[in-house]
PDB file of N, CA and C in Angstrom:
ATOM      1  N   UNK A   1     103.446  46.275  -8.512  1.00  0.00           N
ATOM      2  CA  UNK A   1     104.448  46.771  -9.452  1.00  0.00           C
ATOM      3  C   UNK A   1     105.627  45.913  -9.435  1.00  0.00           C
ATOM      4  N   UNK A   2     106.388  45.481 -10.864  1.00  0.00           N
ATOM      5  CA  UNK A   2     107.498  44.861 -10.903  1.00  0.00           C
ATOM      6  C   UNK A   2     108.635  45.445 -10.047  1.00  0.00           C
ATOM      7  N   UNK A   3     109.310  45.079  -9.647  1.00  0.00           N
ATOM      8  CA  UNK A   3     111.106  45.584  -9.392  1.00  0.00           C
ATOM      9  C   UNK A   3     112.001  45.565  -9.863  1.00  0.00           C
ATOM     10  N   UNK A   4     111.423  45.121 -11.009  1.00  0.00           N
ATOM     11  CA  UNK A   4     112.128  45.307 -12.567  1.00  0.00           C
ATOM     12  C   UNK A   4     112.073  45.833 -13.782  1.00  0.00           C
ATOM     13  N   UNK A   5     111.641  46.853 -13.456  1.00  0.00           N
ATOM     14  CA  UNK A   5     111.167  47.213 -14.543  1.00  0.00           C
ATOM     15  C   UNK A   5     112.124  48.103 -15.656  1.00  0.00           C
ATOM     16  N   UNK A   6     113.054  48.281 -14.995  1.00  0.00           N
ATOM     17  CA  UNK A   6     113.780  49.050 -15.601  1.00  0.00           C
ATOM     18  C   UNK A   6     114.800  47.757 -16.652  1.00  0.00           C
ATOM     19  N   UNK A   7     114.273  46.540 -16.109  1.00  0.00           N
ATOM     20  CA  UNK A   7     115.455  45.305 -16.633  1.00  0.00           C
ATOM     21  C   UNK A   7     113.616  44.768 -17.980  1.00  0.00           C
ATOM     22  N   UNK A   8     112.969  45.192 -17.873  1.00  0.00           N
ATOM     23  CA  UNK A   8     112.234  44.879 -18.415  1.00  0.00           C
ATOM     24  C   UNK A   8     112.274  45.932 -19.615  1.00  0.00           C
ATOM     25  N   UNK A   9     112.783  46.687 -19.067  1.00  0.00           N
ATOM     26  CA  UNK A   9     111.928  48.112 -20.432  1.00  0.00           C
ATOM     27  C   UNK A   9     113.463  48.267 -21.272  1.00  0.00           C
ATOM     28  N   UNK A  10     114.373  47.806 -20.881  1.00  0.00           N
ATOM     29  CA  UNK A  10     115.799  47.222 -21.961  1.00  0.00           C
ATOM     30  C   UNK A  10     115.285  46.019 -22.799  1.00  0.00           C
ATOM     31  N   UNK A  11     114.658  44.936 -22.029  1.00  0.00           N
ATOM     32  CA  UNK A  11     114.216  43.737 -22.965  1.00  0.00           C
ATOM     33  C   UNK A  11     112.954  44.007 -24.166  1.00  0.00           C
ATOM     34  N   UNK A  12     112.095  45.295 -23.749  1.00  0.00           N
ATOM     35  CA  UNK A  12     111.356  45.663 -24.669  1.00  0.00           C
ATOM     36  C   UNK A  12     112.303  46.690 -25.553  1.00  0.00           C
ATOM     37  N   UNK A  13     113.038  46.884 -25.189  1.00  0.00           N
ATOM     38  CA  UNK A  13     113.709  48.083 -26.537  1.00  0.00           C
ATOM     39  C   UNK A  13     115.052  46.621 -27.438  1.00  0.00           C
ATOM     40  N   UNK A  14     115.403  45.788 -26.592  1.00  0.00           N
ATOM     41  CA  UNK A  14     115.357  44.620 -27.464  1.00  0.00           C
ATOM     42  C   UNK A  14     114.787  44.021 -28.686  1.00  0.00           C
ATOM     43  N   UNK A  15     113.163  44.720 -28.344  1.00  0.00           N
ATOM     44  CA  UNK A  15     112.174  43.524 -28.887  1.00  0.00           C
ATOM     45  C   UNK A  15     111.388  44.711 -30.331  1.00  0.00           C
ATOM     46  N   UNK A  16     112.098  45.699 -29.896  1.00  0.00           N
ATOM     47  CA  UNK A  16     112.007  46.595 -30.925  1.00  0.00           C
ATOM     48  C   UNK A  16     111.197  47.649 -30.238  1.00  0.00           C
ATOM     49  N   UNK A  17     110.673  47.839 -29.238  1.00  0.00           N
ATOM     50  CA  UNK A  17     109.810  48.574 -28.862  1.00  0.00           C
ATOM     51  C   UNK A  17     110.873  50.395 -28.891  1.00  0.00           C
ATOM     52  N   UNK A  18     109.867  50.969 -28.824  1.00  0.00           N
ATOM     53  CA  UNK A  18     110.482  52.341 -28.077  1.00  0.00           C
ATOM     54  C   UNK A  18     109.516  53.432 -27.303  1.00  0.00           C
ATOM     55  N   UNK A  19     109.747  54.254 -26.405  1.00  0.00           N
ATOM     56  CA  UNK A  19     109.196  54.776 -25.327  1.00  0.00           C
ATOM     57  C   UNK A  19     108.899  56.120 -26.743  1.00  0.00           C
ATOM     58  N   UNK A  20     107.420  56.269 -26.245  1.00  0.00           N
ATOM     59  CA  UNK A  20     106.655  57.266 -26.889  1.00  0.00           C
ATOM     60  C   UNK A  20     106.248  58.662 -26.485  1.00  0.00           C
ATOM     61  N   UNK A  21     105.813  57.702 -25.006  1.00  0.00           N
ATOM     62  CA  UNK A  21     105.841  58.808 -23.803  1.00  0.00           C
ATOM     63  C   UNK A  21     106.241  58.475 -22.110  1.00  0.00           C
ATOM     64  N   UNK A  22     106.201  59.747 -21.693  1.00  0.00           N
ATOM     65  CA  UNK A  22     106.265  59.091 -19.932  1.00  0.00           C
ATOM     66  C   UNK A  22     105.495  60.190 -19.445  1.00  0.00           C
ATOM     67  N   UNK A  23     104.780  59.472 -18.192  1.00  0.00           N
ATOM     68  CA  UNK A  23     104.204  60.189 -16.861  1.00  0.00           C
ATOM     69  C   UNK A  23     104.642  59.882 -15.862  1.00  0.00           C
ATOM     70  N   UNK A  24     104.286  60.876 -14.768  1.00  0.00           N
ATOM     71  CA  UNK A  24     104.864  60.605 -13.551  1.00  0.00           C
ATOM     72  C   UNK A  24     103.527  61.217 -13.064  1.00  0.00           C
ATOM     73  N   UNK A  25     102.984  60.988 -12.174  1.00  0.00           N
ATOM     74  CA  UNK A  25     101.935  61.198 -11.281  1.00  0.00           C
ATOM     75  C   UNK A  25     101.522  60.492 -10.186  1.00  0.00           C
ATOM     76  N   UNK A  26     102.240  61.275  -9.202  1.00  0.00           N
ATOM     77  CA  UNK A  26     101.721  60.909  -7.465  1.00  0.00           C
ATOM     78  C   UNK A  26     102.736  59.748  -7.432  1.00  0.00           C
ATOM     79  N   UNK A  27     104.436  59.983  -8.016  1.00  0.00           N
ATOM     80  CA  UNK A  27     105.489  58.838  -7.497  1.00  0.00           C
ATOM     81  C   UNK A  27     105.402  57.747  -8.025  1.00  0.00           C
ATOM     82  N   UNK A  28     104.375  57.914  -9.477  1.00  0.00           N
ATOM     83  CA  UNK A  28     104.392  56.698 -10.086  1.00  0.00           C
ATOM     84  C   UNK A  28     104.495  57.179 -11.313  1.00  0.00           C
ATOM     85  N   UNK A  29     105.596  56.005 -12.177  1.00  0.00           N
ATOM     86  CA  UNK A  29     105.926  56.635 -13.518  1.00  0.00           C
ATOM     87  C   UNK A  29     105.215  55.667 -14.592  1.00  0.00           C
ATOM     88  N   UNK A  30     104.630  56.143 -15.590  1.00  0.00           N
ATOM     89  CA  UNK A  30     104.241  54.865 -16.873  1.00  0.00           C
ATOM     90  C   UNK A  30     104.894  55.601 -18.025  1.00  0.00           C
ATOM     91  N   UNK A  31     105.592  54.421 -18.456  1.00  0.00           N
ATOM     92  CA  UNK A  31     106.419  54.146 -19.540  1.00  0.00           C
ATOM     93  C   UNK A  31     105.328  53.797 -20.573  1.00  0.00           C
ATOM     94  N   UNK A  32     104.957  54.987 -21.413  1.00  0.00           N
ATOM     95  CA  UNK A  32     104.545  53.940 -23.194  1.00  0.00           C
ATOM     96  C   UNK A  32     105.042  53.774 -23.686  1.00  0.00           C
ATOM     97  N   UNK A  33     104.953  52.328 -24.667  1.00  0.00           N
ATOM     98  CA  UNK A  33     106.098  51.616 -24.918  1.00  0.00           C
ATOM     99  C   UNK A  33     105.189  51.290 -26.261  1.00  0.00           C
ATOM    100  N   UNK A  34     106.084  51.694 -28.083  1.00  0.00           N
ATOM    101  CA  UNK A  34     105.140  51.147 -28.854  1.00  0.00           C
ATOM    102  C   UNK A  34     106.154  50.319 -29.899  1.00  0.00           C
ATOM    103  N   UNK A  35     105.854  49.465 -30.441  1.00  0.00           N
ATOM    104  CA  UNK A  35     106.583  48.974 -31.752  1.00  0.00           C
ATOM    105  C   UNK A  35     106.212  49.397 -32.753  1.00  0.00           C
ATOM    106  N   UNK A  36     107.074  50.097 -33.663  1.00  0.00           N
ATOM    107  CA  UNK A  36     106.378  50.303 -35.057  1.00  0.00           C
ATOM    108  C   UNK A  36     106.351  49.595 -36.150  1.00  0.00           C
ATOM    109  N   UNK A  37     106.930  48.029 -35.833  1.00  0.00           N
ATOM    110  CA  UNK A  37     106.777  47.480 -36.653  1.00  0.00           C
ATOM    111  C   UNK A  37     105.709  46.446 -36.918  1.00  0.00           C
ATOM    112  N   UNK A  38     105.174  45.883 -35.363  1.00  0.00           N
ATOM    113  CA  UNK A  38     104.579  45.430 -35.275  1.00  0.00           C
ATOM    114  C   UNK A  38     103.403  45.645 -35.183  1.00  0.00           C
ATOM    115  N   UNK A  39     102.739  47.325 -34.545  1.00  0.00           N
ATOM    116  CA  UNK A  39     102.016  48.364 -34.615  1.00  0.00           C
ATOM    117  C   UNK A  39     101.564  47.803 -33.075  1.00  0.00           C
ATOM    118  N   UNK A  40     102.369  46.888 -32.004  1.00  0.00           N
ATOM    119  CA  UNK A  40     101.900  46.657 -30.628  1.00  0.00           C
ATOM    120  C   UNK A  40     102.172  47.423 -29.933  1.00  0.00           C
ATOM    121  N   UNK A  41     101.297  47.885 -28.296  1.00  0.00           N
ATOM    122  CA  UNK A  41     102.198  48.341 -27.748  1.00  0.00           C
ATOM    123  C   UNK A  41     101.966  47.910 -25.847  1.00  0.00           C
ATOM    124  N   UNK A  42     102.806  48.630 -25.072  1.00  0.00           N
ATOM    125  CA  UNK A  42     102.495  48.283 -23.808  1.00  0.00           C
ATOM    126  C   UNK A  42     103.004  49.110 -22.893  1.00  0.00           C
ATOM    127  N   UNK A  43     102.818  49.168 -21.942  1.00  0.00           N
ATOM    128  CA  UNK A  43     102.922  50.445 -20.513  1.00  0.00           C
ATOM    129  C   UNK A  43     103.171  49.563 -19.459  1.00  0.00           C
ATOM    130  N   UNK A  44     104.291  50.039 -19.057  1.00  0.00           N
ATOM    131  CA  UNK A  44     105.233  49.679 -17.893  1.00  0.00           C
ATOM    132  C   UNK A  44     105.084  50.655 -17.033  1.00  0.00           C
ATOM    133  N   UNK A  45     104.864  50.050 -15.393  1.00  0.00           N
ATOM    134  CA  UNK A  45     104.865  51.294 -14.647  1.00  0.00           C
ATOM    135  C   UNK A  45     105.874  50.936 -13.221  1.00  0.00           C
ATOM    136  N   UNK A  46     106.085  51.954 -12.627  1.00  0.00           N
ATOM    137  CA  UNK A  46     107.119  51.921 -11.875  1.00  0.00           C
ATOM    138  C   UNK A  46     107.302  52.831 -10.439  1.00  0.00           C
ATOM    139  N   UNK A  47     107.230  52.458  -9.415  1.00  0.00           N
ATOM    140  CA  UNK A  47     106.999  53.825  -8.471  1.00  0.00           C
ATOM    141  C   UNK A  47     107.998  54.071  -7.745  1.00  0.00           C
ATOM    142  N   UNK A  48     109.246  52.848  -7.909  1.00  0.00           N
ATOM    143  CA  UNK A  48     110.749  52.989  -7.192  1.00  0.00           C
ATOM    144  C   UNK A  48     111.615  54.491  -7.651  1.00  0.00           C
ATOM    145  N   UNK A  49     112.128  55.615  -7.035  1.00  0.00           N
ATOM    146  CA  UNK A  49     112.463  56.360  -7.173  1.00  0.00           C
ATOM    147  C   UNK A  49     113.657  56.071  -8.082  1.00  0.00           C
ATOM    148  N   UNK A  50     114.722  55.241  -7.512  1.00  0.00           N
ATOM    149  CA  UNK A  50     116.150  55.150  -8.012  1.00  0.00           C
ATOM    150  C   UNK A  50     115.935  54.379  -9.728  1.00  0.00           C
ATOM    151  N   UNK A  51     114.887  53.601  -9.519  1.00  0.00           N
ATOM    152  CA  UNK A  51     114.590  52.604 -10.812  1.00  0.00           C
ATOM    153  C   UNK A  51     113.732  53.910 -11.913  1.00  0.00           C
ATOM    154  N   UNK A  52     113.169  54.663 -10.983  1.00  0.00           N
ATOM    155  CA  UNK A  52     112.894  56.237 -12.275  1.00  0.00           C
ATOM    156  C   UNK A  52     114.013  56.872 -12.384  1.00  0.00           C
ATOM    157  N   UNK A  53     114.609  57.075 -11.920  1.00  0.00           N
ATOM    158  CA  UNK A  53     115.959  57.902 -12.453  1.00  0.00           C
ATOM    159  C   UNK A  53     116.685  57.021 -13.282  1.00  0.00           C
ATOM    160  N   UNK A  54     117.033  55.799 -13.172  1.00  0.00           N
ATOM    161  CA  UNK A  54     117.636  55.029 -14.116  1.00  0.00           C
ATOM    162  C   UNK A  54     116.917  54.741 -15.393  1.00  0.00           C
ATOM    163  N   UNK A  55     115.488  54.959 -15.501  1.00  0.00           N
ATOM    164  CA  UNK A  55     114.802  55.068 -17.062  1.00  0.00           C
ATOM    165  C   UNK A  55     114.775  56.068 -17.299  1.00  0.00           C
ATOM    166  N   UNK A  56     114.592  57.278 -16.334  1.00  0.00           N
ATOM    167  CA  UNK A  56     114.789  58.214 -18.036  1.00  0.00           C
ATOM    168  C   UNK A  56     116.372  58.500 -17.818  1.00  0.00           C
ATOM    169  N   UNK A  57     117.740  58.310 -17.461  1.00  0.00           N
ATOM    170  CA  UNK A  57     118.888  58.304 -17.911  1.00  0.00           C
ATOM    171  C   UNK A  57     118.901  57.483 -19.219  1.00  0.00           C
ATOM    172  N   UNK A  58     118.341  56.099 -19.205  1.00  0.00           N
ATOM    173  CA  UNK A  58     118.385  55.384 -20.225  1.00  0.00           C
ATOM    174  C   UNK A  58     117.515  56.088 -21.624  1.00  0.00           C
ATOM    175  N   UNK A  59     116.269  56.067 -21.808  1.00  0.00           N
ATOM    176  CA  UNK A  59     115.627  56.709 -22.336  1.00  0.00           C
ATOM    177  C   UNK A  59     116.463  57.890 -23.035  1.00  0.00           C
ATOM    178  N   UNK A  60     116.668  58.695 -22.152  1.00  0.00           N
ATOM    179  CA  UNK A  60     117.641  59.929 -22.223  1.00  0.00           C
ATOM    180  C   UNK A  60     118.926  59.458 -23.566  1.00  0.00           C
ATOM    181  N   UNK A  61     119.566  58.582 -22.918  1.00  0.00           N
ATOM    182  CA  UNK A  61     120.896  58.360 -23.499  1.00  0.00           C
ATOM    183  C   UNK A  61     120.289  57.557 -24.429  1.00  0.00           C
ATOM    184  N   UNK A  62     119.417  56.825 -24.840  1.00  0.00           N
ATOM    185  CA  UNK A  62     118.748  56.348 -26.081  1.00  0.00           C
ATOM    186  C   UNK A  62     118.547  57.389 -27.120  1.00  0.00           C
ATOM    187  N   UNK A  63     117.805  58.004 -27.075  1.00  0.00           N
ATOM    188  CA  UNK A  63     117.059  59.118 -27.616  1.00  0.00           C
ATOM    189  C   UNK A  63     118.586  60.205 -28.212  1.00  0.00           C
ATOM    190  N   UNK A  64     118.809  60.242 -27.491  1.00  0.00           N
ATOM    191  CA  UNK A  64     120.670  61.140 -27.217  1.00  0.00           C
ATOM    192  C   UNK A  64     121.106  60.814 -28.715  1.00  0.00           C
ATOM    193  N   UNK A  65     121.416  59.864 -29.061  1.00  0.00           N
ATOM    194  CA  UNK A  65     122.487  58.818 -29.846  1.00  0.00           C
ATOM    195  C   UNK A  65     121.881  58.822 -31.409  1.00  0.00           C
TER     196      UNK A  65
END
């Protein structure tokens, strides 16, 4: 698992991807992303609790805006 999933997520957002769903099972967070312009999808994974919190806050701040 990547140690910089949060940075990967921010980079994907810059490329036009958006989070369409998250799952958290057995301490592993899965972040499902889709670029609606290109119709491409990607999935990121992390099992780092601090990073999971950062990702949740980031996604929440983006969707609130």
